[in-house]
Amino acid sequence: MDSGQQEFDYLFKLLMIGDSGVGKSSLLLSFTTDGFEDLSPTIGVDFKVKMVTIGGKKLKLAIWDTAGQERFRTLTSSYYRGAQGVIMVYDVTRRDTFTNLSDIWAKEIDLYSTNQDCIKMLVGNKVDKESDRVVTKKEGIEFAREYGCLFLECSAKTRVNVEQCFEELVLKILDTPSLLADGAMVVKKNIFRNKPPQANESTGSCC
């Protein structure tokens, strides 16, 4: 926890969703620690904080990494509450993780998101396995266009485009007045409601 609230201008809550095993936790670990690990599936929700300077603003990012498995999805609505940005992750080598975006995850955002202007980012992970690719970049672009998402392909393993995923999302949030006001209000009132129930802040559990 920061000792002085003037250390950052905005607090943004970002949520990572998608099927189990697509690399959500590896992406988060790559972004927050510059490392990569093949991680075991997240149980419930993991939570990490990253301080960044983007667009000339000092930001505190509270990033929630959710479990992809159905049996852990009992607190789903609370994950989405107050999130200014949602990152939908799929694995370019697994067709089902892409089709589930429209069948499951996009529907969840519509159902549970409390911010009407919430920014969505579509991320195709594991491009380091190009020879195993089954979902084309064109398909990703078309999905993003249909659902109004930003879009990038990346690799948590090689770190290609990992920082860009978060930076582009945050820049779009900074460019959205209602979300900006929301992020500033949290800092102003010193309310840290972005911490999930029973959050695990260790780097041990992941997906």
Foldseek 3Di string as FASTA:
>chain_A
DDPDLVQFQFEAEEEEAFAWPLCQLLLVCCQAPVDGDRAAFFAQKAWEWHWDQAPNGTYIYIYIYGGRDPVNCPCVLLLQERHQEYEYEGEQLDPVRVVCCVVPVLVSCVVRHPDPNRAYEYEHEDCVVVVSGDHDVVNQVVVCVVSVHHYDYYYSHVGGCSNVRVNVNVVVLVVDVVSSVSGNVCSVVVPDPNDDPPHDHDSHHHD
